[in-house]
Amino acid sequence: GQYRTGPCSGPEILLRTTLFDTMRWRLGRRSRLQMAAMDWSEDPA
């Protein structure tokens, strides 16, 4: 499914990932470079 978070208004940034990878990056098992290289709709900065 989809998980919407952050402020209610403004353009959204989309990230396509998996639940497994979500657990890993949320708990620090990915580097910043690995995170930046994921499937983003636009610049994730």
ModelCIF file with pLDDT and N, C-alpha, C, O atoms, coordinates in Angstrom:
data_MODEL
#
_entry.id   MODEL 
#
_entity.id                         1 
_entity.type                       polymer 
_entity.pdbx_number_of_molecules   1 
#
_entity_poly.entity_id                      1 
_entity_poly.type                           'polypeptide(L)' 
_entity_poly.nstd_linkage                   no 
_entity_poly.nstd_monomer                   no 
_entity_poly.pdbx_seq_one_letter_code       GQYRTGPCSGPEILLRTTLFDTMRWRLGRRSRLQMAAMDWSEDPA 
_entity_poly.pdbx_seq_one_letter_code_can   GQYRTGPCSGPEILLRTTLFDTMRWRLGRRSRLQMAAMDWSEDPA 
_entity_poly.pdbx_strand_id                 A 
#
loop_
_entity_poly_seq.entity_id 
_entity_poly_seq.num 
_entity_poly_seq.mon_id 
_entity_poly_seq.hetero 
1 1  GLY n 
1 2  GLN n 
1 3  TYR n 
1 4  ARG n 
1 5  THR n 
1 6  GLY n 
1 7  PRO n 
1 8  CYS n 
1 9  SER n 
1 10 GLY n 
1 11 PRO n 
1 12 GLU n 
1 13 ILE n 
1 14 LEU n 
1 15 LEU n 
1 16 ARG n 
1 17 THR n 
1 18 THR n 
1 19 LEU n 
1 20 PHE n 
1 21 ASP n 
1 22 THR n 
1 23 MET n 
1 24 ARG n 
1 25 TRP n 
1 26 ARG n 
1 27 LEU n 
1 28 GLY n 
1 29 ARG n 
1 30 ARG n 
1 31 SER n 
1 32 ARG n 
1 33 LEU n 
1 34 GLN n 
1 35 MET n 
1 36 ALA n 
1 37 ALA n 
1 38 MET n 
1 39 ASP n 
1 40 TRP n 
1 41 SER n 
1 42 GLU n 
1 43 ASP n 
1 44 PRO n 
1 45 ALA n 
#
_struct_asym.id          A 
_struct_asym.entity_id   1 
#
loop_
_ma_qa_metric.id 
_ma_qa_metric.mode 
_ma_qa_metric.name 
_ma_qa_metric.software_group_id 
_ma_qa_metric.type 
1 global pLDDT . pLDDT 
2 local  pLDDT . pLDDT 
#
_ma_qa_metric_global.metric_id      1 
_ma_qa_metric_global.metric_value   96.98 
_ma_qa_metric_global.model_id       1 
_ma_qa_metric_global.ordinal_id     1 
#
loop_
_ma_qa_metric_local.label_asym_id 
_ma_qa_metric_local.label_comp_id 
_ma_qa_metric_local.label_seq_id 
_ma_qa_metric_local.metric_id 
_ma_qa_metric_local.metric_value 
_ma_qa_metric_local.model_id 
_ma_qa_metric_local.ordinal_id 
A GLY 1  2 96.00 1 1  
A GLN 2  2 97.00 1 2  
A TYR 3  2 97.00 1 3  
A ARG 4  2 97.00 1 4  
A THR 5  2 96.00 1 5  
A GLY 6  2 96.00 1 6  
A PRO 7  2 96.00 1 7  
A CYS 8  2 94.00 1 8  
A SER 9  2 93.00 1 9  
A GLY 10 2 93.00 1 10 
A PRO 11 2 94.00 1 11 
A GLU 12 2 96.00 1 12 
A ILE 13 2 98.00 1 13 
A LEU 14 2 98.00 1 14 
A LEU 15 2 98.00 1 15 
A ARG 16 2 98.00 1 16 
A THR 17 2 98.00 1 17 
A THR 18 2 98.00 1 18 
A LEU 19 2 98.00 1 19 
A PHE 20 2 98.00 1 20 
A ASP 21 2 98.00 1 21 
A THR 22 2 98.00 1 22 
A MET 23 2 98.00 1 23 
A ARG 24 2 98.00 1 24 
A TRP 25 2 98.00 1 25 
A ARG 26 2 98.00 1 26 
A LEU 27 2 97.00 1 27 
A GLY 28 2 96.00 1 28 
A ARG 29 2 98.00 1 29 
A ARG 30 2 98.00 1 30 
A SER 31 2 97.00 1 31 
A ARG 32 2 97.00 1 32 
A LEU 33 2 97.00 1 33 
A GLN 34 2 97.00 1 34 
A MET 35 2 97.00 1 35 
A ALA 36 2 97.00 1 36 
A ALA 37 2 97.00 1 37 
A MET 38 2 98.00 1 38 
A ASP 39 2 98.00 1 39 
A TRP 40 2 98.00 1 40 
A SER 41 2 98.00 1 41 
A GLU 42 2 96.00 1 42 
A ASP 43 2 97.00 1 43 
A PRO 44 2 97.00 1 44 
A ALA 45 2 97.00 1 45 
#
loop_
_atom_site.group_PDB 
_atom_site.id 
_atom_site.type_symbol 
_atom_site.label_atom_id 
_atom_site.label_alt_id 
_atom_site.label_comp_id 
_atom_site.label_asym_id 
_atom_site.label_entity_id 
_atom_site.label_seq_id 
_atom_site.pdbx_PDB_ins_code 
_atom_site.Cartn_x 
_atom_site.Cartn_y 
_atom_site.Cartn_z 
_atom_site.occupancy 
_atom_site.B_iso_or_equiv 
_atom_site.pdbx_formal_charge 
_atom_site.auth_seq_id 
_atom_site.auth_comp_id 
_atom_site.auth_asym_id 
_atom_site.auth_atom_id 
_atom_site.pdbx_PDB_model_num 
ATOM 1   N N  . GLY A 1 1  ? 0.802  -1.206 0.000  1.00 96.00 ? 1  GLY A N  1 
ATOM 2   C CA . GLY A 1 1  ? 0.000  0.000  0.000  1.00 96.00 ? 1  GLY A CA 1 
ATOM 3   C C  . GLY A 1 1  ? 0.840  1.264  0.000  1.00 96.00 ? 1  GLY A C  1 
ATOM 4   O O  . GLY A 1 1  ? 2.031  1.241  -0.313 1.00 96.00 ? 1  GLY A O  1 
ATOM 5   N N  . GLN A 1 2  ? 0.187  2.380  0.363  1.00 97.00 ? 2  GLN A N  1 
ATOM 6   C CA . GLN A 1 2  ? 0.838  3.682  0.369  1.00 97.00 ? 2  GLN A CA 1 
ATOM 7   C C  . GLN A 1 2  ? 0.750  4.300  1.763  1.00 97.00 ? 2  GLN A C  1 
ATOM 8   O O  . GLN A 1 2  ? -0.255 4.173  2.462  1.00 97.00 ? 2  GLN A O  1 
ATOM 9   N N  . TYR A 1 3  ? 1.822  4.964  2.136  1.00 97.00 ? 3  TYR A N  1 
ATOM 10  C CA . TYR A 1 3  ? 1.911  5.565  3.461  1.00 97.00 ? 3  TYR A CA 1 
ATOM 11  C C  . TYR A 1 3  ? 2.212  7.050  3.275  1.00 97.00 ? 3  TYR A C  1 
ATOM 12  O O  . TYR A 1 3  ? 3.291  7.421  2.812  1.00 97.00 ? 3  TYR A O  1 
ATOM 13  N N  . ARG A 1 4  ? 1.252  7.892  3.639  1.00 97.00 ? 4  ARG A N  1 
ATOM 14  C CA . ARG A 1 4  ? 1.378  9.341  3.468  1.00 97.00 ? 4  ARG A CA 1 
ATOM 15  C C  . ARG A 1 4  ? 1.757  9.964  4.806  1.00 97.00 ? 4  ARG A C  1 
ATOM 16  O O  . ARG A 1 4  ? 1.120  9.683  5.821  1.00 97.00 ? 4  ARG A O  1 
ATOM 17  N N  . THR A 1 5  ? 2.774  10.794 4.819  1.00 96.00 ? 5  THR A N  1 
ATOM 18  C CA . THR A 1 5  ? 3.225  11.410 6.058  1.00 96.00 ? 5  THR A CA 1 
ATOM 19  C C  . THR A 1 5  ? 3.751  12.809 5.781  1.00 96.00 ? 5  THR A C  1 
ATOM 20  O O  . THR A 1 5  ? 3.940  13.184 4.624  1.00 96.00 ? 5  THR A O  1 
ATOM 21  N N  . GLY A 1 6  ? 3.986  13.572 6.821  1.00 96.00 ? 6  GLY A N  1 
ATOM 22  C CA . GLY A 1 6  ? 4.468  14.939 6.661  1.00 96.00 ? 6  GLY A CA 1 
ATOM 23  C C  . GLY A 1 6  ? 3.323  15.946 6.649  1.00 96.00 ? 6  GLY A C  1 
ATOM 24  O O  . GLY A 1 6  ? 2.185  15.584 6.946  1.00 96.00 ? 6  GLY A O  1 
ATOM 25  N N  . PRO A 1 7  ? 3.607  17.213 6.308  1.00 96.00 ? 7  PRO A N  1 
ATOM 26  C CA . PRO A 1 7  ? 2.577  18.260 6.285  1.00 96.00 ? 7  PRO A CA 1 
ATOM 27  C C  . PRO A 1 7  ? 1.423  17.909 5.348  1.00 96.00 ? 7  PRO A C  1 
ATOM 28  O O  . PRO A 1 7  ? 1.588  17.141 4.400  1.00 96.00 ? 7  PRO A O  1 
ATOM 29  N N  . CYS A 1 8  ? 0.267  18.477 5.627  1.00 94.00 ? 8  CYS A N  1 
ATOM 30  C CA . CYS A 1 8  ? -0.929 18.171 4.824  1.00 94.00 ? 8  CYS A CA 1 
ATOM 31  C C  . CYS A 1 8  ? -0.892 18.818 3.440  1.00 94.00 ? 8  CYS A C  1 
ATOM 32  O O  . CYS A 1 8  ? -1.479 18.289 2.495  1.00 94.00 ? 8  CYS A O  1 
ATOM 33  N N  . SER A 1 9  ? -0.215 19.945 3.314  1.00 93.00 ? 9  SER A N  1 
ATOM 34  C CA . SER A 1 9  ? -0.219 20.664 2.044  1.00 93.00 ? 9  SER A CA 1 
ATOM 35  C C  . SER A 1 9  ? 1.179  20.729 1.456  1.00 93.00 ? 9  SER A C  1 
ATOM 36  O O  . SER A 1 9  ? 2.183  20.572 2.150  1.00 93.00 ? 9  SER A O  1 
ATOM 37  N N  . GLY A 1 10 ? 1.208  20.966 0.145  1.00 93.00 ? 10 GLY A N  1 
ATOM 38  C CA . GLY A 1 10 ? 2.477  21.062 -0.555 1.00 93.00 ? 10 GLY A CA 1 
ATOM 39  C C  . GLY A 1 10 ? 2.688  19.883 -1.483 1.00 93.00 ? 10 GLY A C  1 
ATOM 40  O O  . GLY A 1 10 ? 2.048  18.843 -1.326 1.00 93.00 ? 10 GLY A O  1 
ATOM 41  N N  . PRO A 1 11 ? 3.594  20.038 -2.462 1.00 94.00 ? 11 PRO A N  1 
ATOM 42  C CA . PRO A 1 11 ? 3.868  18.930 -3.398 1.00 94.00 ? 11 PRO A CA 1 
ATOM 43  C C  . PRO A 1 11 ? 4.534  17.767 -2.681 1.00 94.00 ? 11 PRO A C  1 
ATOM 44  O O  . PRO A 1 11 ? 5.392  17.946 -1.817 1.00 94.00 ? 11 PRO A O  1 
ATOM 45  N N  . GLU A 1 12 ? 4.107  16.563 -3.069 1.00 96.00 ? 12 GLU A N  1 
ATOM 46  C CA . GLU A 1 12 ? 4.626  15.347 -2.444 1.00 96.00 ? 12 GLU A CA 1 
ATOM 47  C C  . GLU A 1 12 ? 5.898  14.863 -3.131 1.00 96.00 ? 12 GLU A C  1 
ATOM 48  O O  . GLU A 1 12 ? 6.081  15.034 -4.337 1.00 96.00 ? 12 GLU A O  1 
ATOM 49  N N  . ILE A 1 13 ? 6.749  14.267 -2.350 1.00 98.00 ? 13 ILE A N  1 
ATOM 50  C CA . ILE A 1 13 ? 7.855  13.459 -2.866 1.00 98.00 ? 13 ILE A CA 1 
ATOM 51  C C  . ILE A 1 13 ? 7.447  11.998 -2.712 1.00 98.00 ? 13 ILE A C  1 
ATOM 52  O O  . ILE A 1 13 ? 6.963  11.594 -1.654 1.00 98.00 ? 13 ILE A O  1 
ATOM 53  N N  . LEU A 1 14 ? 7.638  11.218 -3.748 1.00 98.00 ? 14 LEU A N  1 
ATOM 54  C CA . LEU A 1 14 ? 7.272  9.805  -3.716 1.00 98.00 ? 14 LEU A CA 1 
ATOM 55  C C  . LEU A 1 14 ? 8.526  8.933  -3.609 1.00 98.00 ? 14 LEU A C  1 
ATOM 56  O O  . LEU A 1 14 ? 9.546  9.207  -4.240 1.00 98.00 ? 14 LEU A O  1 
ATOM 57  N N  . LEU A 1 15 ? 8.427  7.888  -2.804 1.00 98.00 ? 15 LEU A N  1 
ATOM 58  C CA . LEU A 1 15 ? 9.478  6.877  -2.709 1.00 98.00 ? 15 LEU A CA 1 
ATOM 59  C C  . LEU A 1 15 ? 8.848  5.510  -2.902 1.00 98.00 ? 15 LEU A C  1 
ATOM 60  O O  . LEU A 1 15 ? 7.932  5.131  -2.172 1.00 98.00 ? 15 LEU A O  1 
ATOM 61  N N  . ARG A 1 16 ? 9.337  4.776  -3.879 1.00 98.00 ? 16 ARG A N  1 
ATOM 62  C CA . ARG A 1 16 ? 8.893  3.396  -4.094 1.00 98.00 ? 16 ARG A CA 1 
ATOM 63  C C  . ARG A 1 16 ? 9.943  2.457  -3.512 1.00 98.00 ? 16 ARG A C  1 
ATOM 64  O O  . ARG A 1 16 ? 11.115 2.504  -3.886 1.00 98.00 ? 16 ARG A O  1 
ATOM 65  N N  . THR A 1 17 ? 9.503  1.611  -2.597 1.00 98.00 ? 17 THR A N  1 
ATOM 66  C CA . THR A 1 17 ? 10.441 0.737  -1.901 1.00 98.00 ? 17 THR A CA 1 
ATOM 67  C C  . THR A 1 17 ? 9.706  -0.523 -1.463 1.00 98.00 ? 17 THR A C  1 
ATOM 68  O O  . THR A 1 17 ? 8.601  -0.785 -1.939 1.00 98.00 ? 17 THR A O  1 
ATOM 69  N N  . THR A 1 18 ? 10.290 -1.300 -0.577 1.00 98.00 ? 18 THR A N  1 
ATOM 70  C CA . THR A 1 18 ? 9.655  -2.496 -0.032 1.00 98.00 ? 18 THR A CA 1 
ATOM 71  C C  . THR A 1 18 ? 9.602  -2.370 1.491  1.00 98.00 ? 18 THR A C  1 
ATOM 72  O O  . THR A 1 18 ? 10.303 -1.546 2.078  1.00 98.00 ? 18 THR A O  1 
ATOM 73  N N  . LEU A 1 19 ? 8.781  -3.177 2.109  1.00 98.00 ? 19 LEU A N  1 
ATOM 74  C CA . LEU A 1 19 ? 8.709  -3.167 3.567  1.00 98.00 ? 19 LEU A CA 1 
ATOM 75  C C  . LEU A 1 19 ? 10.032 -3.619 4.178  1.00 98.00 ? 19 LEU A C  1 
ATOM 76  O O  . LEU A 1 19 ? 10.465 -3.082 5.197  1.00 98.00 ? 19 LEU A O  1 
ATOM 77  N N  . PHE A 1 20 ? 10.673 -4.605 3.553  1.00 98.00 ? 20 PHE A N  1 
ATOM 78  C CA . PHE A 1 20 ? 11.969 -5.050 4.071  1.00 98.00 ? 20 PHE A CA 1 
ATOM 79  C C  . PHE A 1 20 ? 12.981 -3.912 4.017  1.00 98.00 ? 20 PHE A C  1 
ATOM 80  O O  . PHE A 1 20 ? 13.646 -3.627 5.013  1.00 98.00 ? 20 PHE A O  1 
ATOM 81  N N  . ASP A 1 21 ? 13.104 -3.263 2.867  1.00 98.00 ? 21 ASP A N  1 
ATOM 82  C CA . ASP A 1 21 ? 14.070 -2.174 2.755  1.00 98.00 ? 21 ASP A CA 1 
ATOM 83  C C  . ASP A 1 21 ? 13.699 -1.011 3.672  1.00 98.00 ? 21 ASP A C  1 
ATOM 84  O O  . ASP A 1 21 ? 14.578 -0.333 4.205  1.00 98.00 ? 21 ASP A O  1 
ATOM 85  N N  . THR A 1 22 ? 12.403 -0.781 3.857  1.00 98.00 ? 22 THR A N  1 
ATOM 86  C CA . THR A 1 22 ? 11.981 0.275  4.777  1.00 98.00 ? 22 THR A CA 1 
ATOM 87  C C  . THR A 1 22 ? 12.510 0.012  6.177  1.00 98.00 ? 22 THR A C  1 
ATOM 88  O O  . THR A 1 22 ? 13.049 0.913  6.820  1.00 98.00 ? 22 THR A O  1 
ATOM 89  N N  . MET A 1 23 ? 12.359 -1.210 6.649  1.00 98.00 ? 23 MET A N  1 
ATOM 90  C CA . MET A 1 23 ? 12.892 -1.547 7.972  1.00 98.00 ? 23 MET A CA 1 
ATOM 91  C C  . MET A 1 23 ? 14.386 -1.295 8.032  1.00 98.00 ? 23 MET A C  1 
ATOM 92  O O  . MET A 1 23 ? 14.898 -0.811 9.042  1.00 98.00 ? 23 MET A O  1 
ATOM 93  N N  . ARG A 1 24 ? 15.080 -1.619 6.967  1.00 98.00 ? 24 ARG A N  1 
ATOM 94  C CA . ARG A 1 24 ? 16.537 -1.503 6.985  1.00 98.00 ? 24 ARG A CA 1 
ATOM 95  C C  . ARG A 1 24 ? 16.971 -0.037 6.971  1.00 98.00 ? 24 ARG A C  1 
ATOM 96  O O  . ARG A 1 24 ? 17.832 0.351  7.762  1.00 98.00 ? 24 ARG A O  1 
ATOM 97  N N  . TRP A 1 25 ? 16.392 0.788  6.086  1.00 98.00 ? 25 TRP A N  1 
ATOM 98  C CA . TRP A 1 25 ? 16.864 2.181  6.052  1.00 98.00 ? 25 TRP A CA 1 
ATOM 99  C C  . TRP A 1 25 ? 16.377 2.989  7.242  1.00 98.00 ? 25 TRP A C  1 
ATOM 100 O O  . TRP A 1 25 ? 17.072 3.895  7.701  1.00 98.00 ? 25 TRP A O  1 
ATOM 101 N N  . ARG A 1 26 ? 15.196 2.672  7.747  1.00 98.00 ? 26 ARG A N  1 
ATOM 102 C CA . ARG A 1 26 ? 14.720 3.406  8.927  1.00 98.00 ? 26 ARG A CA 1 
ATOM 103 C C  . ARG A 1 26 ? 15.612 3.142  10.140 1.00 98.00 ? 26 ARG A C  1 
ATOM 104 O O  . ARG A 1 26 ? 15.771 4.017  10.991 1.00 98.00 ? 26 ARG A O  1 
ATOM 105 N N  . LEU A 1 27 ? 16.191 1.953  10.224 1.00 97.00 ? 27 LEU A N  1 
ATOM 106 C CA . LEU A 1 27 ? 17.009 1.582  11.374 1.00 97.00 ? 27 LEU A CA 1 
ATOM 107 C C  . LEU A 1 27 ? 18.505 1.686  11.089 1.00 97.00 ? 27 LEU A C  1 
ATOM 108 O O  . LEU A 1 27 ? 19.321 1.057  11.763 1.00 97.00 ? 27 LEU A O  1 
ATOM 109 N N  . GLY A 1 28 ? 18.852 2.487  10.084 1.00 96.00 ? 28 GLY A N  1 
ATOM 110 C CA . GLY A 1 28 ? 20.257 2.816  9.867  1.00 96.00 ? 28 GLY A CA 1 
ATOM 111 C C  . GLY A 1 28 ? 21.071 1.759  9.176  1.00 96.00 ? 28 GLY A C  1 
ATOM 112 O O  . GLY A 1 28 ? 22.294 1.729  9.316  1.00 96.00 ? 28 GLY A O  1 
ATOM 113 N N  . ARG A 1 29 ? 20.415 0.879  8.423  1.00 98.00 ? 29 ARG A N  1 
ATOM 114 C CA . ARG A 1 29 ? 21.146 -0.174 7.705  1.00 98.00 ? 29 ARG A CA 1 
ATOM 115 C C  . ARG A 1 29 ? 21.372 0.177  6.240  1.00 98.00 ? 29 ARG A C  1 
ATOM 116 O O  . ARG A 1 29 ? 21.599 -0.705 5.412  1.00 98.00 ? 29 ARG A O  1 
ATOM 117 N N  . ARG A 1 30 ? 21.309 1.451  5.929  1.00 98.00 ? 30 ARG A N  1 
ATOM 118 C CA . ARG A 1 30 ? 21.652 1.939  4.597  1.00 98.00 ? 30 ARG A CA 1 
ATOM 119 C C  . ARG A 1 30 ? 22.432 3.248  4.771  1.00 98.00 ? 30 ARG A C  1 
ATOM 120 O O  . ARG A 1 30 ? 22.166 4.029  5.684  1.00 98.00 ? 30 ARG A O  1 
ATOM 121 N N  . SER A 1 31 ? 23.389 3.466  3.883  1.00 97.00 ? 31 SER A N  1 
ATOM 122 C CA . SER A 1 31 ? 24.138 4.723  3.904  1.00 97.00 ? 31 SER A CA 1 
ATOM 123 C C  . SER A 1 31 ? 23.303 5.831  3.259  1.00 97.00 ? 31 SER A C  1 
ATOM 124 O O  . SER A 1 31 ? 22.301 5.572  2.592  1.00 97.00 ? 31 SER A O  1 
ATOM 125 N N  . ARG A 1 32 ? 23.740 7.056  3.474  1.00 97.00 ? 32 ARG A N  1 
ATOM 126 C CA . ARG A 1 32 ? 23.041 8.182  2.854  1.00 97.00 ? 32 ARG A CA 1 
ATOM 127 C C  . ARG A 1 32 ? 23.093 8.086  1.331  1.00 97.00 ? 32 ARG A C  1 
ATOM 128 O O  . ARG A 1 32 ? 22.117 8.414  0.656  1.00 97.00 ? 32 ARG A O  1 
ATOM 129 N N  . LEU A 1 33 ? 24.222 7.638  0.787  1.00 97.00 ? 33 LEU A N  1 
ATOM 130 C CA . LEU A 1 33 ? 24.327 7.467  -0.661 1.00 97.00 ? 33 LEU A CA 1 
ATOM 131 C C  . LEU A 1 33 ? 23.356 6.404  -1.164 1.00 97.00 ? 33 LEU A C  1 
ATOM 132 O O  . LEU A 1 33 ? 22.740 6.573  -2.217 1.00 97.00 ? 33 LEU A O  1 
ATOM 133 N N  . GLN A 1 34 ? 23.216 5.317  -0.423 1.00 97.00 ? 34 GLN A N  1 
ATOM 134 C CA . GLN A 1 34 ? 22.259 4.284  -0.812 1.00 97.00 ? 34 GLN A CA 1 
ATOM 135 C C  . GLN A 1 34 ? 20.835 4.824  -0.780 1.00 97.00 ? 34 GLN A C  1 
ATOM 136 O O  . GLN A 1 34 ? 20.031 4.518  -1.662 1.00 97.00 ? 34 GLN A O  1 
ATOM 137 N N  . MET A 1 35 ? 20.526 5.616  0.223  1.00 97.00 ? 35 MET A N  1 
ATOM 138 C CA . MET A 1 35 ? 19.192 6.196  0.304  1.00 97.00 ? 35 MET A CA 1 
ATOM 139 C C  . MET A 1 35 ? 18.922 7.141  -0.859 1.00 97.00 ? 35 MET A C  1 
ATOM 140 O O  . MET A 1 35 ? 17.839 7.114  -1.443 1.00 97.00 ? 35 MET A O  1 
ATOM 141 N N  . ALA A 1 36 ? 19.898 7.973  -1.197 1.00 97.00 ? 36 ALA A N  1 
ATOM 142 C CA . ALA A 1 36 ? 19.715 8.933  -2.279 1.00 97.00 ? 36 ALA A CA 1 
ATOM 143 C C  . ALA A 1 36 ? 19.510 8.233  -3.620 1.00 97.00 ? 36 ALA A C  1 
ATOM 144 O O  . ALA A 1 36 ? 18.897 8.794  -4.528 1.00 97.00 ? 36 ALA A O  1 
ATOM 145 N N  . ALA A 1 37 ? 20.024 7.005  -3.745 1.00 97.00 ? 37 ALA A N  1 
ATOM 146 C CA . ALA A 1 37 ? 19.949 6.274  -5.010 1.00 97.00 ? 37 ALA A CA 1 
ATOM 147 C C  . ALA A 1 37 ? 18.663 5.455  -5.151 1.00 97.00 ? 37 ALA A C  1 
ATOM 148 O O  . ALA A 1 37 ? 18.485 4.773  -6.161 1.00 97.00 ? 37 ALA A O  1 
ATOM 149 N N  . MET A 1 38 ? 17.774 5.506  -4.178 1.00 98.00 ? 38 MET A N  1 
ATOM 150 C CA . MET A 1 38 ? 16.547 4.713  -4.270 1.00 98.00 ? 38 MET A CA 1 
ATOM 151 C C  . MET A 1 38 ? 15.575 5.327  -5.280 1.00 98.00 ? 38 MET A C  1 
ATOM 152 O O  . MET A 1 38 ? 15.879 6.334  -5.920 1.00 98.00 ? 38 MET A O  1 
ATOM 153 N N  . ASP A 1 39 ? 14.413 4.707  -5.409 1.00 98.00 ? 39 ASP A N  1 
ATOM 154 C CA . ASP A 1 39 ? 13.454 5.059  -6.456 1.00 98.00 ? 39 ASP A CA 1 
ATOM 155 C C  . ASP A 1 39 ? 12.599 6.242  -6.019 1.00 98.00 ? 39 ASP A C  1 
ATOM 156 O O  . ASP A 1 39 ? 11.473 6.074  -5.549 1.00 98.00 ? 39 ASP A O  1 
ATOM 157 N N  . TRP A 1 40 ? 13.156 7.444  -6.181 1.00 98.00 ? 40 TRP A N  1 
ATOM 158 C CA . TRP A 1 40 ? 12.478 8.682  -5.810 1.00 98.00 ? 40 TRP A CA 1 
ATOM 159 C C  . TRP A 1 40 ? 11.803 9.317  -7.025 1.00 98.00 ? 40 TRP A C  1 
ATOM 160 O O  . TRP A 1 40 ? 12.250 9.144  -8.158 1.00 98.00 ? 40 TRP A O  1 
ATOM 161 N N  . SER A 1 41 ? 10.738 10.041 -6.775 1.00 98.00 ? 41 SER A N  1 
ATOM 162 C CA . SER A 1 41 ? 10.074 10.755 -7.867 1.00 98.00 ? 41 SER A CA 1 
ATOM 163 C C  . SER A 1 41 ? 10.844 12.015 -8.248 1.00 98.00 ? 41 SER A C  1 
ATOM 164 O O  . SER A 1 41 ? 10.712 12.514 -9.366 1.00 98.00 ? 41 SER A O  1 
ATOM 165 N N  . GLU A 1 42 ? 11.643 12.525 -7.323 1.00 96.00 ? 42 GLU A N  1 
ATOM 166 C CA . GLU A 1 42 ? 12.438 13.732 -7.563 1.00 96.00 ? 42 GLU A CA 1 
ATOM 167 C C  . GLU A 1 42 ? 13.559 13.788 -6.531 1.00 96.00 ? 42 GLU A C  1 
ATOM 168 O O  . GLU A 1 42 ? 13.725 12.862 -5.738 1.00 96.00 ? 42 GLU A O  1 
ATOM 169 N N  . ASP A 1 43 ? 14.306 14.847 -6.543 1.00 97.00 ? 43 ASP A N  1 
ATOM 170 C CA . ASP A 1 43 ? 15.431 15.008 -5.618 1.00 97.00 ? 43 ASP A CA 1 
ATOM 171 C C  . ASP A 1 43 ? 14.955 14.832 -4.166 1.00 97.00 ? 43 ASP A C  1 
ATOM 172 O O  . ASP A 1 43 ? 14.101 15.591 -3.708 1.00 97.00 ? 43 ASP A O  1 
ATOM 173 N N  . PRO A 1 44 ? 15.499 13.833 -3.429 1.00 97.00 ? 44 PRO A N  1 
ATOM 174 C CA . PRO A 1 44 ? 15.028 13.591 -2.066 1.00 97.00 ? 44 PRO A CA 1 
ATOM 175 C C  . PRO A 1 44 ? 15.701 14.456 -1.006 1.00 97.00 ? 44 PRO A C  1 
ATOM 176 O O  . PRO A 1 44 ? 15.482 14.249 0.188  1.00 97.00 ? 44 PRO A O  1 
ATOM 177 N N  . ALA A 1 45 ? 16.519 15.427 -1.428 1.00 97.00 ? 45 ALA A N  1 
ATOM 178 C CA . ALA A 1 45 ? 17.277 16.228 -0.456 1.00 97.00 ? 45 ALA A CA 1 
ATOM 179 C C  . ALA A 1 45 ? 16.417 16.804 0.677  1.00 97.00 ? 45 ALA A C  1 
ATOM 180 O O  . ALA A 1 45 ? 16.934 17.494 1.555  1.00 97.00 ? 45 ALA A O  1 
#
